[in-house]
Amino acid sequence: MPDYLVHVHEPPRGVVQHRVSAADAGAVAGALGVSPLQLLSVQAVPGGAAVSSGGQGLFVRRGRLSLRLFCQELAVLLDAGIPLLEALSTLKEKESAGSATATALQALSEALRQGRSLSEAMRDNPPAFGPLLVAVVGASERSGQLSIALREHARYLAWAEGLRAKLVGAAIYPALLLGASAAVMLFLLMVVLPRFAGLLDGSGQELPWASRQLMDLGVVLADRPAWLLGALALLALGLGTLWRHALLRAALASLLWRLPGLGPRLTTLALAQCYRTLGMLLAAGVPLVPALGLVQGVVGPRFAAALAGLRADVGAGQRLSDAMDTHHLATPVARRMLRVGERSGELAAMLERAAAFHDEELERLSDFITRAVNPVLMLLMGGLIGGIVVLMYLPIFSLVESVQ
């Protein structure tokens, strides 16, 4: 059975760490003999991995506070009846002193002791807590549903992380294919071709022009590998410089959005993110117009103008469904769901359902990349490698024919 690293709230001891073997994550509470509500976090431990009691704690990811785990664990403690200040202190206890997480939690605790609200304390620490979480917490403080809002925000962050992981996963195979093909071509150019060039030069056979140029390139690269390393370094530096240029990034993104097949799917994914973010904010109690302003900062610059116009129209009294339709921000499915939500008073739920409906576009996008892009890359790389091999063997075929 797999092992799990579990943090459990055990009054009066506070947060206690356990390592337990269980059939799956759902069986951890039974294996420990505690209520599932007491579980703060459950993480699978790789086989044979040692568990350290110190370190950076569960919240730190790349040196930053993990908002998803923070919201999830704070919601569990609040649901267990622990006061907010004590819950923050409990979370801080399991973090190493001086870590980014401990510092952020300490700042929140000190602000609460001074009589400030949690949202005000978060607003003073923007690197750790984003504007979305600040708005959600602020609205939930007014409605008295802080734990519910935190749990919903954790679910939203988990969806965003899953979306990012799927897109990255779809790009891994093409990247590996390009890297492997480049390595094979460099091996042929720098190792195999120079040896063939030496053999053919000794035969006195006149080489075809293309083969001669390829042989000369291989000899130069083999004799001067520093040139190749310098060229690759300059290429990487140039690409990095271009990527940091905002206008060039925008031009590249605009090109991707115009590609047939890919552009419509990217648009649908961006709109699904817009619906999900707006639905999460409305469910937490954030007013519609401020929520649209927050969505504008999440979706990105491509829809900035449309969202600004949408916010202005809604602020002027226009219905959300009509305003979204005017600014081309509503898919046919979303338009109908929004109108149902406006009539029933369940706009947040309908936005969430529209986003869930369009989440299937991500699966279709992954399939599109796998079925279309990968074969094209394989043909391209195979053609390049095959071309090198053909040019390399052409002189040998000519030599054999002359001998015969």
Protein backbone atom coordinates (compact mmCIF):
# COMPACT_ATOMS: atom_id res chain seq x y z
CA MET A 1 0.00 0.00 0.00
CA PRO A 2 1.22 3.54 -0.70
CA ASP A 3 2.40 5.80 2.10
CA TYR A 4 0.86 9.20 2.79
CA LEU A 5 2.19 12.23 4.64
CA VAL A 6 -0.75 13.61 6.62
CA HIS A 7 -1.22 16.75 8.72
CA VAL A 8 -4.02 16.31 11.25
CA HIS A 9 -5.60 18.77 13.64
CA GLU A 10 -5.58 17.01 17.03
CA PRO A 11 -6.81 19.20 19.92
CA PRO A 12 -5.19 20.21 22.19
CA ARG A 13 -1.87 19.35 20.50
CA GLY A 14 -2.62 21.37 17.38
CA VAL A 15 -1.33 20.23 13.98
CA VAL A 16 0.41 16.84 14.07
CA GLN A 17 2.25 15.18 11.19
CA HIS A 18 1.78 11.44 10.53
CA ARG A 19 3.05 9.00 7.97
CA VAL A 20 0.54 6.23 7.32
CA SER A 21 -0.03 3.40 4.84
CA ALA A 22 -3.50 3.23 3.30
CA ALA A 23 -5.22 1.78 0.24
CA ASP A 24 -5.86 5.27 -1.13
CA ALA A 25 -6.17 8.88 0.02
CA GLY A 26 -9.81 8.35 1.00
CA ALA A 27 -8.82 5.64 3.47
CA VAL A 28 -6.27 7.76 5.34
CA ALA A 29 -8.71 9.05 7.96
CA GLY A 30 -9.84 5.52 8.80
CA ALA A 31 -6.26 4.29 9.06
CA LEU A 32 -5.48 7.06 11.56
CA GLY A 33 -8.77 6.67 13.43
CA VAL A 34 -9.72 10.35 13.05
CA SER A 35 -12.56 12.24 11.44
CA PRO A 36 -12.05 13.32 7.82
CA LEU A 37 -12.76 16.90 8.97
CA GLN A 38 -9.54 16.81 11.01
CA LEU A 39 -7.36 16.16 7.94
CA LEU A 40 -5.59 19.33 6.86
CA SER A 41 -3.60 17.82 3.99
CA VAL A 42 -2.85 14.42 2.50
CA GLN A 43 0.14 13.94 0.22
CA ALA A 44 1.36 10.71 -1.35
CA VAL A 45 4.97 9.89 -0.46
CA PRO A 46 7.11 8.44 -3.27
CA GLY A 47 8.30 4.92 -2.55
CA GLY A 48 11.20 4.87 -0.12
CA ALA A 49 11.29 8.62 0.29
CA ALA A 50 12.19 9.85 3.71
CA VAL A 51 9.93 12.36 5.38
CA SER A 52 11.54 15.31 7.03
CA SER A 53 9.94 17.06 9.91
CA GLY A 54 11.53 20.35 9.00
CA GLY A 55 12.07 21.97 5.65
CA GLN A 56 9.92 24.52 3.96
CA GLY A 57 6.53 23.08 4.85
CA LEU A 58 3.58 22.37 2.61
CA PHE A 59 2.81 25.89 1.57
CA VAL A 60 6.04 26.86 -0.14
CA ARG A 61 6.23 26.28 -3.87
CA ARG A 62 9.21 27.82 -5.63
CA GLY A 63 9.81 29.96 -2.55
CA ARG A 64 6.27 31.36 -2.46
CA LEU A 65 3.09 30.79 -0.51
CA SER A 66 0.83 28.15 -2.08
CA LEU A 67 -2.54 29.89 -2.05
CA ARG A 68 -4.46 26.72 -2.83
CA LEU A 69 -3.16 24.85 0.22
CA PHE A 70 -3.49 27.95 2.38
CA CYS A 71 -7.17 28.38 1.49
CA GLN A 72 -7.89 24.68 1.80
CA GLU A 73 -6.30 24.19 5.20
CA LEU A 74 -7.57 27.45 6.68
CA ALA A 75 -11.11 26.51 5.62
CA VAL A 76 -10.78 23.12 7.37
CA LEU A 77 -9.63 24.76 10.61
CA LEU A 78 -12.42 27.34 10.52
CA ASP A 79 -15.02 24.63 9.87
CA ALA A 80 -13.67 22.80 12.93
CA GLY A 81 -14.65 25.82 15.06
CA ILE A 82 -11.14 27.22 15.58
CA PRO A 83 -11.03 31.04 15.71
CA LEU A 84 -9.30 32.77 12.80
CA LEU A 85 -6.29 34.05 14.75
CA GLU A 86 -5.70 30.67 16.36
CA ALA A 87 -6.08 28.95 12.99
CA LEU A 88 -3.38 31.17 11.47
CA SER A 89 -1.10 30.46 14.41
CA THR A 90 -1.74 26.74 14.00
CA LEU A 91 -0.76 26.87 10.34
CA LYS A 92 2.35 28.87 11.18
CA GLU A 93 3.48 26.27 13.74
CA LYS A 94 4.17 23.66 11.08
CA GLU A 95 6.30 25.97 8.95
CA SER A 96 10.04 26.45 9.40
CA ALA A 97 11.06 29.75 10.96
CA GLY A 98 12.02 32.41 8.47
CA SER A 99 10.34 30.75 5.48
CA ALA A 100 8.17 32.73 3.08
CA THR A 101 5.06 31.04 4.42
CA ALA A 102 5.88 31.68 8.08
CA THR A 103 6.61 35.33 7.34
CA ALA A 104 3.31 35.80 5.50
CA LEU A 105 1.29 34.06 8.22
CA GLN A 106 3.05 36.07 10.93
CA ALA A 107 2.16 39.30 9.13
CA LEU A 108 -1.50 38.24 8.96
CA SER A 109 -1.57 37.35 12.66
CA GLU A 110 -0.03 40.66 13.70
CA ALA A 111 -2.52 42.62 11.59
CA LEU A 112 -5.45 40.73 13.13
CA ARG A 113 -4.15 41.45 16.65
CA GLN A 114 -4.17 45.14 15.72
CA GLY A 115 -7.89 44.90 14.97
CA ARG A 116 -7.69 44.79 11.19
CA SER A 117 -9.71 42.42 9.03
CA LEU A 118 -8.19 39.48 7.17
CA SER A 119 -8.79 41.07 3.76
CA GLU A 120 -7.07 44.29 4.85
CA ALA A 121 -4.09 42.30 6.11
CA MET A 122 -3.89 40.39 2.82
CA ARG A 123 -4.11 43.60 0.82
CA ASP A 124 -0.93 44.84 2.54
CA ASN A 125 0.99 41.79 1.26
CA PRO A 126 0.30 41.67 -2.50
CA PRO A 127 3.25 39.40 -3.40
CA ALA A 128 1.74 36.59 -1.31
CA PHE A 129 -2.00 37.21 -1.71
CA GLY A 130 -3.40 38.22 -5.09
CA PRO A 131 -6.26 40.65 -5.72
CA LEU A 132 -8.70 37.81 -6.42
CA LEU A 133 -8.24 36.27 -2.98
CA VAL A 134 -8.40 39.69 -1.31
CA ALA A 135 -11.73 40.42 -3.03
CA VAL A 136 -13.15 36.99 -2.18
CA VAL A 137 -12.14 37.25 1.48
CA GLY A 138 -13.44 40.82 1.76
CA ALA A 139 -16.85 39.87 0.38
CA SER A 140 -17.09 36.72 2.51
CA GLU A 141 -16.27 38.70 5.66
CA ARG A 142 -19.38 40.78 5.04
CA SER A 143 -21.54 37.70 4.43
CA GLY A 144 -20.05 35.62 7.26
CA GLN A 145 -19.12 32.73 4.94
CA LEU A 146 -15.34 32.90 5.04
CA SER A 147 -14.70 29.14 5.14
CA ILE A 148 -17.05 28.50 2.21
CA ALA A 149 -15.40 31.23 0.14
CA LEU A 150 -11.92 29.91 0.95
CA ARG A 151 -12.93 26.40 -0.08
CA GLU A 152 -14.38 27.65 -3.37
CA HIS A 153 -11.27 29.69 -4.07
CA ALA A 154 -9.09 26.63 -3.38
CA ARG A 155 -11.19 24.69 -5.88
CA TYR A 156 -10.75 27.48 -8.44
CA LEU A 157 -6.98 27.49 -7.94
CA ALA A 158 -6.87 23.69 -8.28
CA TRP A 159 -8.71 24.02 -11.61
CA ALA A 160 -6.24 26.66 -12.81
CA GLU A 161 -3.27 24.47 -11.83
CA GLY A 162 -4.82 21.48 -13.58
CA LEU A 163 -5.41 23.53 -16.72
CA ARG A 164 -1.80 24.68 -16.74
CA ALA A 165 -0.56 21.14 -16.20
CA LYS A 166 -2.62 19.82 -19.11
CA LEU A 167 -1.32 22.48 -21.49
CA VAL A 168 2.26 21.85 -20.41
CA GLY A 169 1.74 18.11 -20.76
CA ALA A 170 0.48 18.57 -24.31
CA ALA A 171 3.67 20.47 -25.18
CA ILE A 172 6.13 17.99 -23.63
CA TYR A 173 6.15 15.46 -26.47
CA PRO A 174 6.78 18.03 -29.25
CA ALA A 175 9.59 19.54 -27.18
CA LEU A 176 11.18 16.12 -26.62
CA LEU A 177 10.83 15.30 -30.31
CA LEU A 178 12.53 18.53 -31.35
CA GLY A 179 15.32 18.04 -28.83
CA ALA A 180 16.00 14.44 -29.84
CA SER A 181 15.95 15.30 -33.54
CA ALA A 182 18.37 18.18 -33.01
CA ALA A 183 20.72 15.88 -31.09
CA VAL A 184 20.66 13.28 -33.89
CA MET A 185 21.38 15.91 -36.55
CA LEU A 186 24.27 17.34 -34.55
CA PHE A 187 25.70 13.84 -34.11
CA LEU A 188 25.51 13.21 -37.85
CA LEU A 189 27.07 16.58 -38.68
CA MET A 190 29.86 16.57 -36.10
CA VAL A 191 30.79 12.86 -35.85
CA VAL A 192 29.62 10.85 -38.84
CA LEU A 193 30.03 13.34 -41.70
CA PRO A 194 33.69 14.27 -40.98
CA ARG A 195 34.64 10.57 -41.14
CA PHE A 196 32.82 10.13 -44.41
CA ALA A 197 34.52 13.24 -45.74
CA GLY A 198 37.95 11.79 -44.96
CA LEU A 199 37.14 8.52 -46.74
CA LEU A 200 35.71 10.22 -49.80
CA ASP A 201 38.55 12.73 -50.13
CA GLY A 202 41.00 9.83 -50.32
CA SER A 203 39.05 8.21 -53.13
CA GLY A 204 39.43 11.19 -55.45
CA GLN A 205 35.71 10.99 -56.27
CA GLU A 206 34.09 14.30 -57.21
CA LEU A 207 31.21 14.98 -54.81
CA PRO A 208 27.83 16.47 -55.71
CA TRP A 209 27.58 20.13 -54.75
CA ALA A 210 25.01 19.59 -51.96
CA SER A 211 26.99 16.71 -50.48
CA ARG A 212 30.21 18.73 -50.65
CA GLN A 213 28.62 21.65 -48.78
CA LEU A 214 27.22 19.33 -46.14
CA MET A 215 30.58 17.60 -45.67
CA ASP A 216 32.36 20.94 -45.34
CA LEU A 217 29.84 22.06 -42.72
CA GLY A 218 30.39 18.87 -40.73
CA VAL A 219 34.18 19.29 -40.86
CA VAL A 220 33.95 22.92 -39.70
CA LEU A 221 31.65 22.03 -36.79
CA ALA A 222 33.86 19.12 -35.75
CA ASP A 223 37.05 21.24 -35.89
CA ARG A 224 35.53 24.27 -34.18
CA PRO A 225 32.89 23.15 -31.66
CA ALA A 226 33.27 26.48 -29.86
CA TRP A 227 31.64 28.13 -32.87
CA LEU A 228 28.60 25.92 -32.47
CA LEU A 229 28.38 26.55 -28.74
CA GLY A 230 28.69 30.29 -29.34
CA ALA A 231 25.99 30.23 -32.00
CA LEU A 232 23.64 28.28 -29.73
CA ALA A 233 24.33 30.69 -26.85
CA LEU A 234 23.63 33.69 -29.10
CA LEU A 235 20.44 32.04 -30.34
CA ALA A 236 19.23 31.38 -26.79
CA LEU A 237 20.13 34.93 -25.75
CA GLY A 238 18.35 36.37 -28.77
CA LEU A 239 15.22 34.33 -28.19
CA GLY A 240 15.20 35.29 -24.52
CA THR A 241 15.57 38.97 -25.40
CA LEU A 242 12.79 38.77 -27.96
CA TRP A 243 10.51 36.97 -25.49
CA ARG A 244 10.99 39.73 -22.92
CA HIS A 245 9.85 42.27 -25.50
CA ALA A 246 6.14 42.82 -24.86
CA LEU A 247 5.28 43.82 -28.43
CA LEU A 248 6.91 40.72 -29.92
CA ARG A 249 5.17 38.48 -27.39
CA ALA A 250 1.87 40.09 -28.29
CA ALA A 251 2.58 39.59 -32.00
CA LEU A 252 3.39 35.90 -31.46
CA ALA A 253 0.26 35.42 -29.36
CA SER A 254 -1.82 37.17 -32.02
CA LEU A 255 -0.40 34.80 -34.64
CA LEU A 256 -1.34 31.77 -32.56
CA TRP A 257 -4.88 33.08 -32.06
CA ARG A 258 -5.27 33.43 -35.85
CA LEU A 259 -4.22 29.86 -36.66
CA PRO A 260 -7.12 27.82 -38.05
CA GLY A 261 -8.24 25.13 -35.65
CA LEU A 262 -6.13 26.45 -32.78
CA GLY A 263 -7.44 30.02 -32.54
CA PRO A 264 -11.11 29.18 -31.85
CA ARG A 265 -10.10 26.67 -29.18
CA LEU A 266 -7.85 29.19 -27.45
CA THR A 267 -10.70 31.71 -27.51
CA THR A 268 -13.09 29.22 -25.94
CA LEU A 269 -10.57 28.35 -23.23
CA ALA A 270 -10.03 32.02 -22.39
CA LEU A 271 -13.78 32.61 -22.19
CA ALA A 272 -14.18 29.54 -19.95
CA GLN A 273 -11.56 31.01 -17.62
CA CYS A 274 -13.49 34.30 -17.66
CA TYR A 275 -16.78 32.55 -16.77
CA ARG A 276 -15.22 30.48 -13.99
CA THR A 277 -13.42 33.43 -12.41
CA LEU A 278 -16.49 35.65 -12.55
CA GLY A 279 -18.71 32.88 -11.16
CA MET A 280 -16.32 32.27 -8.26
CA LEU A 281 -16.23 35.98 -7.40
CA LEU A 282 -20.02 36.37 -7.57
CA ALA A 283 -20.54 33.26 -5.42
CA ALA A 284 -18.24 34.79 -2.80
CA GLY A 285 -20.37 37.95 -2.72
CA VAL A 286 -18.23 40.32 -4.80
CA PRO A 287 -20.45 42.86 -6.63
CA LEU A 288 -20.70 42.37 -10.39
CA VAL A 289 -18.94 45.53 -11.61
CA PRO A 290 -15.86 45.18 -9.33
CA ALA A 291 -15.77 41.46 -10.18
CA LEU A 292 -15.55 42.28 -13.89
CA GLY A 293 -12.57 44.53 -13.14
CA LEU A 294 -10.81 41.63 -11.40
CA VAL A 295 -11.59 39.28 -14.28
CA GLN A 296 -10.00 41.78 -16.67
CA GLY A 297 -6.69 41.36 -14.84
CA VAL A 298 -6.88 37.56 -14.99
CA VAL A 299 -7.87 36.82 -18.58
CA GLY A 300 -5.11 38.85 -20.24
CA PRO A 301 -4.64 41.73 -22.68
CA ARG A 302 -6.40 40.16 -25.65
CA PHE A 303 -9.83 40.65 -24.06
CA ALA A 304 -8.94 43.77 -22.08
CA ALA A 305 -10.81 46.19 -24.35
CA ALA A 306 -13.89 43.95 -24.56
CA LEU A 307 -14.00 43.46 -20.79
CA ALA A 308 -13.57 47.19 -20.20
CA GLY A 309 -16.54 47.86 -22.47
CA LEU A 310 -18.50 45.08 -20.77
CA ARG A 311 -17.82 46.59 -17.36
CA ALA A 312 -18.93 50.03 -18.54
CA ASP A 313 -22.17 48.70 -20.06
CA VAL A 314 -23.05 46.65 -16.98
CA GLY A 315 -22.27 49.66 -14.78
CA ALA A 316 -24.70 51.67 -16.90
CA GLY A 317 -27.48 49.17 -16.16
CA GLN A 318 -27.31 46.75 -19.08
CA ARG A 319 -27.90 43.06 -18.44
CA LEU A 320 -24.76 40.92 -18.29
CA SER A 321 -25.92 38.50 -20.99
CA ASP A 322 -26.75 41.32 -23.42
CA ALA A 323 -23.50 43.16 -22.71
CA MET A 324 -21.44 39.99 -23.17
CA ASP A 325 -23.21 39.32 -26.44
CA THR A 326 -22.48 42.87 -27.62
CA HIS A 327 -18.76 42.54 -26.90
CA HIS A 328 -18.50 38.98 -28.32
CA LEU A 329 -17.70 37.45 -24.93
CA ALA A 330 -20.54 34.93 -24.86
CA THR A 331 -20.58 31.60 -26.61
CA PRO A 332 -24.02 30.33 -27.69
CA VAL A 333 -24.11 27.96 -24.70
CA ALA A 334 -22.98 30.62 -22.24
CA ARG A 335 -25.48 33.15 -23.59
CA ARG A 336 -28.44 30.88 -22.88
CA MET A 337 -27.13 29.82 -19.48
CA LEU A 338 -26.56 33.45 -18.49
CA ARG A 339 -30.14 34.37 -19.39
CA VAL A 340 -31.45 31.46 -17.34
CA GLY A 341 -29.23 32.55 -14.43
CA GLU A 342 -30.46 36.13 -14.63
CA ARG A 343 -34.08 35.01 -14.52
CA SER A 344 -33.55 32.52 -11.68
CA GLY A 345 -31.10 34.59 -9.63
CA GLU A 346 -28.40 31.91 -9.96
CA LEU A 347 -25.96 33.77 -12.18
CA ALA A 348 -22.86 32.50 -10.37
CA ALA A 349 -23.95 28.86 -10.68
CA MET A 350 -24.74 29.27 -14.38
CA LEU A 351 -21.35 30.84 -15.05
CA GLU A 352 -19.71 27.87 -13.36
CA ARG A 353 -21.76 25.45 -15.46
CA ALA A 354 -20.86 27.29 -18.66
CA ALA A 355 -17.18 27.05 -17.74
CA ALA A 356 -17.51 23.33 -16.98
CA PHE A 357 -19.21 22.79 -20.34
CA HIS A 358 -16.34 24.46 -22.18
CA ASP A 359 -13.65 22.67 -20.19
CA GLU A 360 -14.03 19.88 -22.71
CA GLU A 361 -12.38 22.22 -25.22
CA LEU A 362 -9.12 21.64 -23.36
CA GLU A 363 -9.34 17.91 -24.01
CA ARG A 364 -10.08 18.56 -27.67
CA LEU A 365 -7.15 21.00 -27.82
CA SER A 366 -4.81 18.35 -26.40
CA ASP A 367 -6.10 15.84 -28.94
CA PHE A 368 -5.65 18.39 -31.73
CA ILE A 369 -2.03 19.00 -30.75
CA THR A 370 -1.36 15.27 -30.50
CA ARG A 371 -3.02 14.34 -33.79
CA ALA A 372 -1.97 17.32 -35.92
CA VAL A 373 1.17 18.96 -34.58
CA ASN A 374 3.10 15.85 -33.54
CA PRO A 375 2.86 14.06 -36.92
CA VAL A 376 3.85 17.25 -38.73
CA LEU A 377 6.90 17.62 -36.49
CA MET A 378 7.81 13.97 -37.01
CA LEU A 379 7.61 14.39 -40.79
CA LEU A 380 9.68 17.57 -40.67
CA MET A 381 12.39 16.15 -38.43
CA GLY A 382 12.40 12.85 -40.33
CA GLY A 383 12.79 14.75 -43.59
CA LEU A 384 15.75 16.74 -42.28
CA ILE A 385 17.53 13.69 -40.86
CA GLY A 386 16.73 11.65 -43.96
CA GLY A 387 18.04 14.43 -46.18
CA ILE A 388 21.35 14.44 -44.32
CA VAL A 389 21.65 10.66 -44.65
CA VAL A 390 20.81 10.72 -48.38
CA LEU A 391 23.35 13.48 -49.11
CA MET A 392 25.90 11.53 -47.09
CA TYR A 393 25.42 8.31 -49.07
CA LEU A 394 25.05 9.80 -52.56
CA PRO A 395 28.84 9.99 -53.12
CA ILE A 396 29.18 6.35 -52.03
CA PHE A 397 26.56 5.27 -54.55
CA SER A 398 28.37 7.25 -57.26
CA LEU A 399 31.68 5.64 -56.27
CA VAL A 400 30.19 2.13 -56.44
CA GLU A 401 28.72 2.82 -59.88
CA SER A 402 32.07 4.10 -61.20
CA VAL A 403 33.87 0.99 -59.92
CA GLN A 404 31.34 -1.27 -61.60
